[in-house]
N, C-alpha and C. Protein backbone atom coordinates (compact mmCIF):
# COMPACT_ATOMS: atom_id res chain seq x y z
N MET A 1 127.43 122.51 88.71
CA MET A 1 126.18 122.68 89.14
C MET A 1 125.29 121.93 88.57
N THR A 2 124.15 121.44 89.11
CA THR A 2 122.84 120.75 88.44
C THR A 2 122.18 121.77 87.82
N ARG A 3 121.74 121.63 86.35
CA ARG A 3 121.02 122.60 85.76
C ARG A 3 119.37 122.04 85.84
N VAL A 4 118.65 122.92 86.15
CA VAL A 4 117.29 122.79 86.30
C VAL A 4 116.31 123.61 85.56
N LEU A 5 115.26 123.10 84.79
CA LEU A 5 114.22 123.77 84.27
C LEU A 5 112.86 123.44 84.93
N ILE A 6 112.22 124.55 85.50
CA ILE A 6 110.96 124.56 86.03
C ILE A 6 109.69 124.79 85.17
N VAL A 7 108.85 123.83 85.15
CA VAL A 7 107.62 123.49 84.48
C VAL A 7 106.25 123.83 85.59
N ASP A 8 105.73 124.66 85.57
CA ASP A 8 104.52 124.92 86.17
C ASP A 8 103.76 125.90 85.69
N ASP A 9 102.57 126.04 85.76
CA ASP A 9 101.43 126.69 85.28
C ASP A 9 101.18 128.18 86.19
N HIS A 10 101.72 128.01 87.26
CA HIS A 10 101.74 129.21 88.16
C HIS A 10 103.05 130.04 88.45
N ARG A 11 103.18 131.36 87.87
CA ARG A 11 104.30 132.37 88.08
C ARG A 11 104.83 132.26 89.22
N LEU A 12 103.78 132.36 90.50
CA LEU A 12 104.10 132.70 91.88
C LEU A 12 105.15 131.52 92.18
N PHE A 13 104.62 130.41 91.84
CA PHE A 13 105.01 129.11 92.36
C PHE A 13 106.49 128.87 91.98
N ARG A 14 106.64 129.20 90.55
CA ARG A 14 107.94 128.96 90.07
C ARG A 14 108.78 129.83 90.54
N SER A 15 108.39 131.22 90.75
CA SER A 15 109.53 132.25 91.46
C SER A 15 109.93 131.75 93.07
N GLY A 16 108.87 131.24 93.59
CA GLY A 16 109.03 130.57 95.15
C GLY A 16 110.03 129.39 94.87
N VAL A 17 110.06 128.61 93.94
CA VAL A 17 110.97 127.63 93.76
C VAL A 17 112.36 127.85 93.44
N ARG A 18 112.34 129.06 92.74
CA ARG A 18 113.89 129.68 92.40
C ARG A 18 114.44 130.11 93.73
N ALA A 19 113.58 130.64 94.51
CA ALA A 19 113.96 131.58 95.81
C ALA A 19 114.56 130.39 96.77
N GLU A 20 113.74 129.44 96.67
CA GLU A 20 114.05 128.26 97.46
C GLU A 20 115.37 127.70 97.20
N LEU A 21 115.55 127.17 96.00
CA LEU A 21 116.74 126.60 95.32
C LEU A 21 118.13 127.37 95.50
N GLY A 22 117.97 128.85 95.61
CA GLY A 22 118.93 129.59 95.77
C GLY A 22 120.05 129.49 94.79
N ASP A 23 121.26 129.57 95.39
CA ASP A 23 122.40 129.50 94.48
C ASP A 23 122.97 127.74 94.21
N SER A 24 122.22 126.99 95.07
CA SER A 24 122.53 125.59 95.04
C SER A 24 122.54 124.98 93.97
N ILE A 25 121.33 125.55 93.03
CA ILE A 25 121.03 124.64 91.51
C ILE A 25 120.96 126.07 90.85
N GLU A 26 121.30 125.49 89.47
CA GLU A 26 121.15 126.53 88.60
C GLU A 26 119.90 126.30 87.68
N VAL A 27 118.90 127.33 87.82
CA VAL A 27 117.63 127.30 87.07
C VAL A 27 117.64 128.20 85.73
N VAL A 28 117.85 127.21 84.63
CA VAL A 28 118.15 127.75 83.17
C VAL A 28 117.08 128.06 82.61
N GLY A 29 115.74 127.88 82.99
CA GLY A 29 114.56 128.30 82.35
C GLY A 29 113.30 128.07 83.08
N GLU A 30 112.29 128.42 82.54
CA GLU A 30 110.95 128.16 83.28
C GLU A 30 109.94 128.13 81.87
N ALA A 31 108.82 127.10 82.10
CA ALA A 31 107.79 127.02 81.31
C ALA A 31 106.38 126.81 81.84
N GLU A 32 105.36 127.29 81.37
CA GLU A 32 104.08 127.53 81.85
C GLU A 32 102.98 126.32 81.40
N ASP A 33 103.45 125.86 80.40
CA ASP A 33 102.35 124.88 79.76
C ASP A 33 103.33 123.93 78.93
N VAL A 34 102.37 123.01 78.27
CA VAL A 34 103.28 121.91 77.68
C VAL A 34 103.94 122.52 76.32
N GLU A 35 103.22 122.97 75.47
CA GLU A 35 104.30 123.58 74.26
C GLU A 35 105.26 124.32 74.91
N SER A 36 105.29 125.30 75.89
CA SER A 36 106.45 125.97 76.47
C SER A 36 107.36 125.02 76.83
N ALA A 37 106.94 124.10 77.67
CA ALA A 37 107.88 123.29 78.34
C ALA A 37 108.77 122.38 77.29
N VAL A 38 107.98 121.72 76.32
CA VAL A 38 108.82 121.19 75.09
C VAL A 38 109.86 121.96 74.72
N LYS A 39 109.62 123.08 74.30
CA LYS A 39 110.49 124.23 73.14
C LYS A 39 111.68 124.57 74.22
N ALA A 40 111.40 124.70 75.60
CA ALA A 40 112.40 125.07 76.61
C ALA A 40 113.46 124.09 76.95
N ILE A 41 112.86 122.87 77.09
CA ILE A 41 113.51 121.79 77.37
C ILE A 41 114.74 121.27 76.22
N ALA A 42 114.20 121.33 74.71
CA ALA A 42 114.89 121.63 73.57
C ALA A 42 116.03 122.50 73.35
N ALA A 43 115.59 123.66 74.05
CA ALA A 43 116.55 124.87 73.95
C ALA A 43 117.63 124.90 74.92
N HIS A 44 117.37 124.57 76.16
CA HIS A 44 118.29 124.71 77.27
C HIS A 44 118.82 123.30 77.66
N GLN A 45 118.41 122.18 77.19
CA GLN A 45 118.78 120.87 77.71
C GLN A 45 119.11 120.99 79.12
N PRO A 46 118.39 120.84 80.22
CA PRO A 46 118.64 120.81 81.39
C PRO A 46 119.23 119.48 81.98
N ASP A 47 119.63 119.29 82.92
CA ASP A 47 120.02 118.18 83.63
C ASP A 47 118.69 117.42 84.06
N VAL A 48 117.75 118.30 84.72
CA VAL A 48 116.55 117.68 85.57
C VAL A 48 115.55 118.90 85.25
N VAL A 49 114.14 118.17 84.81
CA VAL A 49 113.24 119.02 84.64
C VAL A 49 112.13 118.68 85.74
N LEU A 50 112.01 120.09 86.59
CA LEU A 50 111.01 119.79 87.58
C LEU A 50 109.59 120.10 86.93
N LEU A 51 108.83 119.04 86.78
CA LEU A 51 107.48 118.95 86.10
C LEU A 51 106.38 118.87 86.93
N ASP A 52 105.38 119.91 86.90
CA ASP A 52 103.94 119.89 87.51
C ASP A 52 103.26 118.84 86.52
N VAL A 53 102.37 118.20 87.24
CA VAL A 53 101.25 117.02 86.81
C VAL A 53 100.23 117.89 86.00
N HIS A 54 99.70 118.72 86.58
CA HIS A 54 98.41 119.32 85.95
C HIS A 54 98.49 120.71 85.42
N MET A 55 98.64 120.85 84.30
CA MET A 55 98.83 122.13 83.79
C MET A 55 97.99 122.08 82.02
N PRO A 56 97.95 123.41 81.60
CA PRO A 56 97.30 123.50 80.11
C PRO A 56 98.12 122.57 79.27
N GLY A 57 97.24 122.06 78.14
CA GLY A 57 97.78 121.71 77.01
C GLY A 57 98.00 119.92 77.12
N GLY A 58 97.78 119.55 78.04
CA GLY A 58 97.91 118.12 78.35
C GLY A 58 98.47 117.39 79.61
N GLY A 59 99.08 118.56 80.48
CA GLY A 59 99.63 118.04 81.73
C GLY A 59 101.03 117.41 81.63
N GLY A 60 101.70 116.93 82.54
CA GLY A 60 103.02 116.36 82.57
C GLY A 60 103.31 115.30 81.85
N GLN A 61 102.36 114.30 81.88
CA GLN A 61 102.38 113.12 80.82
C GLN A 61 102.43 113.51 79.58
N GLU A 62 101.87 114.54 78.97
CA GLU A 62 102.11 114.91 77.59
C GLU A 62 103.40 115.35 77.37
N VAL A 63 103.92 116.12 78.42
CA VAL A 63 105.39 116.55 78.07
C VAL A 63 106.48 115.39 78.07
N LEU A 64 106.17 114.54 79.09
CA LEU A 64 107.07 113.25 79.08
C LEU A 64 106.85 112.64 77.80
N ARG A 65 105.70 112.48 77.23
CA ARG A 65 105.60 111.75 75.92
C ARG A 65 106.39 112.24 74.98
N ARG A 66 106.19 113.58 74.78
CA ARG A 66 106.43 114.23 73.52
C ARG A 66 107.99 114.42 73.49
N VAL A 67 108.66 114.89 74.80
CA VAL A 67 110.18 114.96 74.90
C VAL A 67 110.93 113.56 75.03
N LEU A 68 110.60 112.63 75.85
CA LEU A 68 111.03 111.34 76.09
C LEU A 68 110.89 110.54 74.58
N GLY A 69 109.69 110.69 74.25
CA GLY A 69 109.62 109.79 72.80
C GLY A 69 110.46 110.38 71.66
N ALA A 70 110.67 111.53 71.77
CA ALA A 70 112.02 112.40 70.83
C ALA A 70 113.33 111.72 71.03
N GLY A 71 113.46 110.73 72.03
CA GLY A 71 114.87 110.40 72.50
C GLY A 71 115.71 111.20 73.55
N SER A 72 115.21 112.27 73.93
CA SER A 72 116.03 113.02 74.93
C SER A 72 116.28 112.23 76.25
N GLN A 73 117.46 112.50 76.79
CA GLN A 73 117.97 112.00 77.95
C GLN A 73 117.84 112.56 79.31
N VAL A 74 116.87 113.84 79.05
CA VAL A 74 117.03 114.63 80.11
C VAL A 74 116.01 113.74 81.32
N ARG A 75 116.32 114.21 82.54
CA ARG A 75 115.48 113.36 83.57
C ARG A 75 114.43 114.20 84.27
N PHE A 76 113.36 113.64 84.55
CA PHE A 76 112.17 114.42 85.15
C PHE A 76 112.14 114.19 86.58
N LEU A 77 111.66 115.01 87.16
CA LEU A 77 111.11 114.98 88.62
C LEU A 77 109.76 115.82 88.91
N ALA A 78 108.77 114.82 88.94
CA ALA A 78 107.41 115.57 89.36
C ALA A 78 107.49 116.24 90.56
N LEU A 79 106.63 117.43 90.50
CA LEU A 79 106.63 118.31 91.70
C LEU A 79 105.22 118.81 91.76
N SER A 80 104.20 118.40 92.65
CA SER A 80 102.88 118.53 92.21
C SER A 80 102.26 118.52 93.67
N VAL A 81 101.13 119.35 93.81
CA VAL A 81 100.48 119.40 94.97
C VAL A 81 99.56 118.03 95.18
N SER A 82 99.49 117.32 94.13
CA SER A 82 98.49 116.06 94.00
C SER A 82 99.29 114.96 94.72
N ASP A 83 98.96 113.97 95.43
CA ASP A 83 99.56 113.02 95.77
C ASP A 83 98.68 111.59 95.63
N ALA A 84 97.56 111.72 94.64
CA ALA A 84 96.85 110.56 94.23
C ALA A 84 97.59 109.66 93.38
N ALA A 85 97.28 108.55 93.50
CA ALA A 85 97.95 107.21 93.15
C ALA A 85 97.75 107.60 91.56
N GLU A 86 96.72 107.80 91.03
CA GLU A 86 96.52 107.77 89.58
C GLU A 86 97.49 108.68 88.95
N ASP A 87 97.84 109.90 89.62
CA ASP A 87 98.83 110.81 89.38
C ASP A 87 100.05 110.51 89.14
N VAL A 88 100.59 109.75 90.53
CA VAL A 88 101.83 109.36 90.71
C VAL A 88 102.14 108.51 89.54
N ILE A 89 101.43 107.42 89.57
CA ILE A 89 102.02 106.11 88.89
C ILE A 89 101.86 106.64 87.30
N GLY A 90 100.91 107.51 86.98
CA GLY A 90 100.85 108.04 85.49
C GLY A 90 102.13 108.62 85.01
N VAL A 91 102.61 109.55 85.89
CA VAL A 91 103.73 110.23 85.29
C VAL A 91 105.13 109.23 85.59
N ILE A 92 105.19 108.37 86.57
CA ILE A 92 106.19 107.33 86.51
C ILE A 92 106.29 106.27 85.37
N ARG A 93 105.20 105.77 85.17
CA ARG A 93 104.96 105.20 83.93
C ARG A 93 105.41 105.93 82.68
N GLY A 94 105.23 107.19 82.87
CA GLY A 94 105.37 107.92 81.52
C GLY A 94 106.98 108.43 81.34
N GLY A 95 107.67 108.20 82.34
CA GLY A 95 109.19 108.15 82.23
C GLY A 95 109.69 109.00 83.61
N ALA A 96 108.81 109.78 84.11
CA ALA A 96 109.66 110.61 85.19
C ALA A 96 110.41 109.70 86.32
N ARG A 97 111.54 110.28 86.57
CA ARG A 97 112.34 109.70 87.68
C ARG A 97 111.93 109.67 89.21
N GLY A 98 110.96 110.47 89.58
CA GLY A 98 110.55 110.56 90.95
C GLY A 98 109.43 111.63 91.03
N TYR A 99 108.92 111.53 92.12
CA TYR A 99 107.70 112.34 92.13
C TYR A 99 107.63 113.04 93.90
N VAL A 100 107.73 114.17 93.92
CA VAL A 100 107.56 114.68 95.31
C VAL A 100 106.48 115.68 95.38
N THR A 101 105.88 116.18 96.52
CA THR A 101 104.72 116.94 96.71
C THR A 101 105.32 118.32 97.14
N LYS A 102 104.46 119.36 96.78
CA LYS A 102 104.84 120.71 96.66
C LYS A 102 104.98 121.21 98.37
N ASN A 103 104.74 120.59 99.40
CA ASN A 103 105.14 120.72 100.75
C ASN A 103 106.52 120.24 100.90
N ILE A 104 107.28 120.00 100.15
CA ILE A 104 108.68 119.49 100.39
C ILE A 104 109.33 121.03 100.80
N SER A 105 110.50 120.93 101.72
CA SER A 105 111.21 121.91 101.87
C SER A 105 112.16 122.00 100.65
N GLY A 106 112.88 123.43 100.68
CA GLY A 106 113.79 123.77 99.77
C GLY A 106 115.12 123.17 100.06
N LYS A 107 115.46 122.56 101.04
CA LYS A 107 116.67 121.60 101.10
C LYS A 107 116.51 120.20 100.76
N GLU A 108 115.37 119.70 101.30
CA GLU A 108 114.74 118.42 100.52
C GLU A 108 114.84 118.35 98.99
N LEU A 109 114.11 119.55 98.52
CA LEU A 109 113.83 119.51 96.99
C LEU A 109 115.35 119.68 96.16
N THR A 110 116.16 120.24 97.09
CA THR A 110 117.53 120.58 96.37
C THR A 110 118.23 119.01 96.36
N ASP A 111 118.02 118.33 97.51
CA ASP A 111 118.71 117.02 97.44
C ASP A 111 117.85 116.13 96.47
N ALA A 112 116.40 116.28 96.29
CA ALA A 112 115.94 115.38 95.68
C ALA A 112 116.51 115.39 94.00
N ILE A 113 116.58 116.67 93.41
CA ILE A 113 117.01 117.36 92.26
C ILE A 113 118.50 116.76 92.07
N ARG A 114 119.26 116.82 92.85
CA ARG A 114 120.68 116.08 92.67
C ARG A 114 120.61 114.66 92.36
N ARG A 115 119.77 114.03 93.21
CA ARG A 115 119.79 112.56 93.30
C ARG A 115 119.02 112.05 91.85
N VAL A 116 118.05 112.88 91.52
CA VAL A 116 117.75 112.45 90.29
C VAL A 116 118.39 112.88 88.92
N ALA A 117 119.35 113.69 89.16
CA ALA A 117 120.45 114.12 88.04
C ALA A 117 121.49 113.00 88.20
N ASP A 118 121.68 112.40 89.42
CA ASP A 118 122.70 111.31 89.31
C ASP A 118 122.04 110.01 89.02
N GLY A 119 120.67 109.76 88.72
CA GLY A 119 120.10 108.57 88.22
C GLY A 119 119.34 107.78 89.19
N ASP A 120 119.29 108.57 90.52
CA ASP A 120 118.41 107.84 91.43
C ASP A 120 116.86 107.80 91.10
N ALA A 121 116.00 107.05 91.95
CA ALA A 121 114.38 107.46 91.56
C ALA A 121 114.07 108.01 93.08
N VAL A 122 113.32 109.07 93.15
CA VAL A 122 113.12 109.84 94.43
C VAL A 122 111.58 109.89 94.58
N PHE A 123 111.17 109.56 95.78
CA PHE A 123 109.63 109.62 96.11
C PHE A 123 109.40 110.29 97.47
N SER A 124 108.60 111.21 97.68
CA SER A 124 108.10 111.38 98.95
C SER A 124 107.52 110.34 99.79
N PRO A 125 108.15 110.53 100.95
CA PRO A 125 107.77 109.24 101.85
C PRO A 125 106.62 108.17 101.57
N ARG A 126 105.20 109.12 101.75
CA ARG A 126 104.04 108.39 101.72
C ARG A 126 103.58 107.83 100.34
N LEU A 127 104.45 108.18 99.43
CA LEU A 127 104.32 107.97 97.97
C LEU A 127 104.76 106.76 97.47
N ALA A 128 106.10 106.27 98.08
CA ALA A 128 106.74 105.26 97.58
C ALA A 128 106.02 103.77 97.75
N GLY A 129 105.47 103.69 98.87
CA GLY A 129 104.60 102.37 98.85
C GLY A 129 103.72 102.04 97.81
N PHE A 130 102.78 103.17 97.37
CA PHE A 130 101.74 102.54 96.39
C PHE A 130 102.33 102.54 94.99
N VAL A 131 103.55 103.34 94.77
CA VAL A 131 104.29 103.09 93.36
C VAL A 131 104.67 101.69 93.12
N LEU A 132 105.39 101.17 94.38
CA LEU A 132 105.97 99.79 94.31
C LEU A 132 104.83 98.76 94.26
N ASP A 133 103.63 99.02 94.82
CA ASP A 133 102.59 98.32 94.78
C ASP A 133 101.98 98.10 93.38
N ALA A 134 102.03 99.24 92.72
CA ALA A 134 101.35 99.43 91.24
C ALA A 134 102.36 98.59 90.33
N PHE A 135 103.50 98.59 90.68
CA PHE A 135 104.50 97.86 89.57
C PHE A 135 104.76 96.58 89.79
N ALA A 136 104.25 96.21 91.11
CA ALA A 136 104.53 94.94 91.46
C ALA A 136 103.09 93.99 91.15
N SER A 137 102.02 94.57 90.81
CA SER A 137 100.81 94.32 90.12
C SER A 137 100.86 94.23 88.75
N SER A 138 100.30 93.09 88.13
CA SER A 138 100.15 93.12 86.48
C SER A 138 98.94 93.79 86.25
N GLU A 139 98.08 94.37 87.39
CA GLU A 139 96.74 94.93 86.87
C GLU A 139 96.96 96.25 86.77
N ALA A 140 96.33 96.98 85.70
CA ALA A 140 96.15 98.46 85.55
C ALA A 140 95.14 99.04 86.21
N PRO A 141 95.36 100.22 86.73
CA PRO A 141 94.32 100.78 87.44
C PRO A 141 92.81 100.80 86.75
N SER A 142 91.62 100.57 87.44
CA SER A 142 90.44 100.30 87.06
C SER A 142 90.09 101.69 86.50
N ILE A 143 89.32 101.73 85.44
CA ILE A 143 88.90 102.67 84.81
C ILE A 143 87.39 103.46 85.72
N ASP A 144 87.36 104.66 85.92
CA ASP A 144 86.13 105.16 86.51
C ASP A 144 85.69 106.14 85.78
N PRO A 145 84.69 106.04 84.82
CA PRO A 145 83.95 106.99 83.99
C PRO A 145 83.86 108.36 84.80
N GLU A 146 83.35 108.52 85.68
CA GLU A 146 82.84 109.62 86.65
C GLU A 146 84.19 110.33 87.08
N LEU A 147 84.94 109.63 87.32
CA LEU A 147 86.61 110.22 87.92
C LEU A 147 86.85 110.76 86.50
N ASP A 148 86.97 109.99 85.44
CA ASP A 148 87.51 110.54 84.10
C ASP A 148 86.94 111.51 83.62
N SER A 149 85.63 112.03 83.91
CA SER A 149 84.75 113.18 83.44
C SER A 149 85.33 114.30 84.09
N LEU A 150 86.12 114.43 85.04
CA LEU A 150 86.45 115.53 85.80
C LEU A 150 87.99 115.95 85.25
N THR A 151 88.11 117.20 85.14
CA THR A 151 89.27 117.87 84.56
C THR A 151 90.38 117.55 85.74
N GLN A 152 91.69 117.87 85.53
CA GLN A 152 92.78 117.69 86.44
C GLN A 152 92.48 118.62 87.63
N ARG A 153 92.08 119.87 87.36
CA ARG A 153 91.97 120.84 88.22
C ARG A 153 90.88 120.41 89.25
N GLU A 154 89.75 119.96 88.49
CA GLU A 154 88.57 119.93 89.42
C GLU A 154 88.83 118.58 90.39
N ARG A 155 89.71 117.48 90.00
CA ARG A 155 90.31 116.39 90.91
C ARG A 155 90.72 116.96 92.09
N GLU A 156 91.77 117.95 91.69
CA GLU A 156 92.52 118.71 92.77
C GLU A 156 91.80 119.29 93.76
N VAL A 157 90.68 119.90 93.37
CA VAL A 157 89.95 120.77 94.27
C VAL A 157 88.85 119.79 94.95
N LEU A 158 88.67 118.89 94.26
CA LEU A 158 87.76 117.74 95.09
C LEU A 158 88.58 117.07 96.17
N ARG A 159 89.81 116.75 95.92
CA ARG A 159 90.71 115.90 96.93
C ARG A 159 90.83 116.93 98.04
N LEU A 160 90.82 118.18 97.78
CA LEU A 160 91.14 118.96 99.21
C LEU A 160 89.96 119.25 99.81
N ILE A 161 88.60 119.40 99.24
CA ILE A 161 87.41 119.38 99.69
C ILE A 161 87.26 118.29 100.64
N ALA A 162 87.49 116.97 100.09
CA ALA A 162 87.49 115.83 101.00
C ALA A 162 88.14 115.78 102.15
N ARG A 163 89.32 116.42 102.10
CA ARG A 163 90.30 116.69 103.17
C ARG A 163 89.67 117.77 104.16
N GLY A 164 88.70 118.34 104.15
CA GLY A 164 88.16 119.11 104.77
C GLY A 164 88.58 120.67 104.71
N TYR A 165 89.28 121.13 103.56
CA TYR A 165 89.86 122.27 103.48
C TYR A 165 88.65 123.54 103.15
N ALA A 166 88.75 124.55 103.65
CA ALA A 166 87.64 125.67 103.27
C ALA A 166 88.20 126.10 101.87
N TYR A 167 87.39 127.07 101.19
CA TYR A 167 87.38 127.50 100.10
C TYR A 167 88.63 128.33 99.98
N LYS A 168 89.10 129.12 101.12
CA LYS A 168 89.97 130.15 101.02
C LYS A 168 91.36 129.28 101.03
N GLU A 169 91.29 128.22 101.84
CA GLU A 169 92.60 127.32 102.08
C GLU A 169 93.00 126.71 100.58
N ILE A 170 91.66 126.39 99.89
CA ILE A 170 92.08 125.57 98.48
C ILE A 170 92.82 126.87 97.74
N ALA A 171 92.02 128.03 97.88
CA ALA A 171 92.77 128.91 96.67
C ALA A 171 93.98 129.18 97.10
N LYS A 172 94.17 129.13 98.37
CA LYS A 172 95.94 129.35 98.69
C LYS A 172 96.59 128.31 98.32
N GLU A 173 96.24 127.04 98.56
CA GLU A 173 97.07 126.09 98.13
C GLU A 173 97.02 125.84 96.64
N LEU A 174 96.33 126.00 95.77
CA LEU A 174 96.14 125.84 94.42
C LEU A 174 96.62 127.23 93.67
N PHE A 175 96.73 128.00 94.29
CA PHE A 175 97.04 129.75 93.61
C PHE A 175 96.04 129.93 92.78
N ILE A 176 95.03 129.84 93.04
CA ILE A 176 93.68 130.49 92.42
C ILE A 176 92.78 131.16 93.35
N SER A 177 92.11 131.83 92.77
CA SER A 177 91.02 132.63 93.47
C SER A 177 89.81 131.94 94.11
N VAL A 178 89.21 132.31 95.08
CA VAL A 178 88.05 131.79 96.00
C VAL A 178 86.89 131.54 94.94
N LYS A 179 86.86 132.73 93.96
CA LYS A 179 85.71 132.38 92.99
C LYS A 179 86.18 131.22 91.89
N THR A 180 87.29 131.25 91.54
CA THR A 180 87.50 129.98 90.89
C THR A 180 87.23 128.57 91.50
N VAL A 181 87.67 128.72 92.70
CA VAL A 181 87.38 127.25 93.79
C VAL A 181 85.90 127.18 93.45
N GLU A 182 85.08 127.82 93.75
CA GLU A 182 83.67 127.94 93.78
C GLU A 182 83.00 127.18 92.42
N THR A 183 83.78 127.93 91.27
CA THR A 183 83.20 127.50 89.95
C THR A 183 83.63 125.88 89.59
N HIS A 184 84.80 125.53 90.39
CA HIS A 184 85.13 124.14 90.19
C HIS A 184 84.27 123.26 90.91
N VAL A 185 83.76 123.62 92.00
CA VAL A 185 83.10 122.92 92.99
C VAL A 185 81.68 122.78 92.24
N SER A 186 81.36 123.66 91.79
CA SER A 186 79.85 123.73 91.12
C SER A 186 79.85 122.70 89.81
N SER A 187 80.96 122.89 89.32
CA SER A 187 81.15 122.08 87.89
C SER A 187 81.23 120.50 88.62
N VAL A 188 82.08 120.36 89.57
CA VAL A 188 82.21 118.74 90.25
C VAL A 188 80.76 118.14 90.37
N LEU A 189 80.45 119.24 91.38
CA LEU A 189 78.70 118.65 91.61
C LEU A 189 77.97 118.30 90.70
N ARG A 190 77.87 119.26 89.49
CA ARG A 190 76.72 118.83 88.35
C ARG A 190 77.57 117.76 87.55
N LYS A 191 78.71 117.49 87.34
CA LYS A 191 79.20 116.33 86.83
C LYS A 191 78.84 115.09 87.55
N LEU A 192 78.87 115.01 88.66
CA LEU A 192 78.95 113.78 89.64
C LEU A 192 77.54 113.73 90.08
N GLN A 193 76.48 114.62 89.77
CA GLN A 193 75.03 114.58 90.23
C GLN A 193 75.14 114.60 91.80
N LEU A 194 75.70 115.33 92.48
CA LEU A 194 75.86 115.29 93.95
C LEU A 194 75.43 116.78 94.31
N SER A 195 74.69 117.00 95.50
CA SER A 195 74.27 118.25 95.86
C SER A 195 75.13 118.91 96.83
N ASN A 196 75.93 118.50 97.62
CA ASN A 196 76.82 119.41 98.74
C ASN A 196 78.27 118.77 98.75
N ARG A 197 79.14 119.68 99.55
CA ARG A 197 80.58 119.21 99.76
C ARG A 197 80.43 117.87 100.48
N HIS A 198 79.62 117.70 101.56
CA HIS A 198 79.61 116.31 102.30
C HIS A 198 79.49 115.23 101.24
N GLU A 199 78.69 115.35 100.56
CA GLU A 199 78.52 114.19 99.48
C GLU A 199 79.77 114.06 98.58
N LEU A 200 80.11 115.04 98.43
CA LEU A 200 81.45 115.05 97.43
C LEU A 200 82.70 114.44 98.25
N SER A 201 82.78 114.69 99.72
CA SER A 201 83.54 113.97 100.66
C SER A 201 83.54 112.60 100.54
N ARG A 202 82.25 112.13 100.78
CA ARG A 202 82.12 110.63 100.72
C ARG A 202 82.11 109.98 99.54
N TRP A 203 81.85 110.73 98.27
CA TRP A 203 82.27 110.24 96.95
C TRP A 203 83.95 109.96 96.88
N ALA A 204 84.47 110.93 97.33
CA ALA A 204 86.07 110.87 97.14
C ALA A 204 86.65 109.77 97.94
N THR A 205 86.00 109.67 99.30
CA THR A 205 86.54 108.72 100.26
C THR A 205 86.31 107.28 99.92
N ALA A 206 85.46 107.07 99.06
CA ALA A 206 84.78 105.80 98.78
C ALA A 206 85.80 105.26 97.57
N ARG A 207 86.26 106.35 96.84
CA ARG A 207 87.14 105.95 95.68
C ARG A 207 88.59 106.23 96.19
N ARG A 208 88.90 106.17 97.49
CA ARG A 208 90.08 106.46 97.87
C ARG A 208 91.00 107.53 97.34
N LEU A 209 90.63 108.82 97.16
CA LEU A 209 91.29 109.92 96.49
C LEU A 209 91.67 110.84 97.65
N VAL A 210 91.53 110.46 98.89
CA VAL A 210 91.77 111.56 100.06
C VAL A 210 93.09 111.06 100.45
């Protein structure tokens, strides 16, 4: 049976993944941030690590750098709410074998884990195209100082705002409180010097973040 370790900073989400996988995949451990992930991977030596992209301590790319940089042969499958090109390309360049979004079904996730364990590369359908485009191009993604000023969580909130999500819907999607969503929106407005969510939507659309 394929052995998996789940890395995500939301306990409820980790529990949900365990339930969805059922008895078809052996979950050998969990971690909630970069430090605990690196230690858990070394301790359990899973076949596949289900890796969140955005979490405390540097995110999924930092886990990849530290684990694969140490010579580990473990395979990584990114599992994230984000479907932004910069997130997908970042972790794939970091060494992940695949990237799927959190709206994936339990059956699809089980299949993706097994395929990654077998050495395949796996992507959610709409992500595969721009991954191929990125690696076919010799040009790196352009640097955007305004976008770089936002934290990973602020980017997630911004993306969902631009898609028309209400604060309650964002809170549910990201497993955070409505008050926390409001705090992130205020921070994004301040950093980008914008006035309201409509301006945020236009800003995000112009940068193709939606």
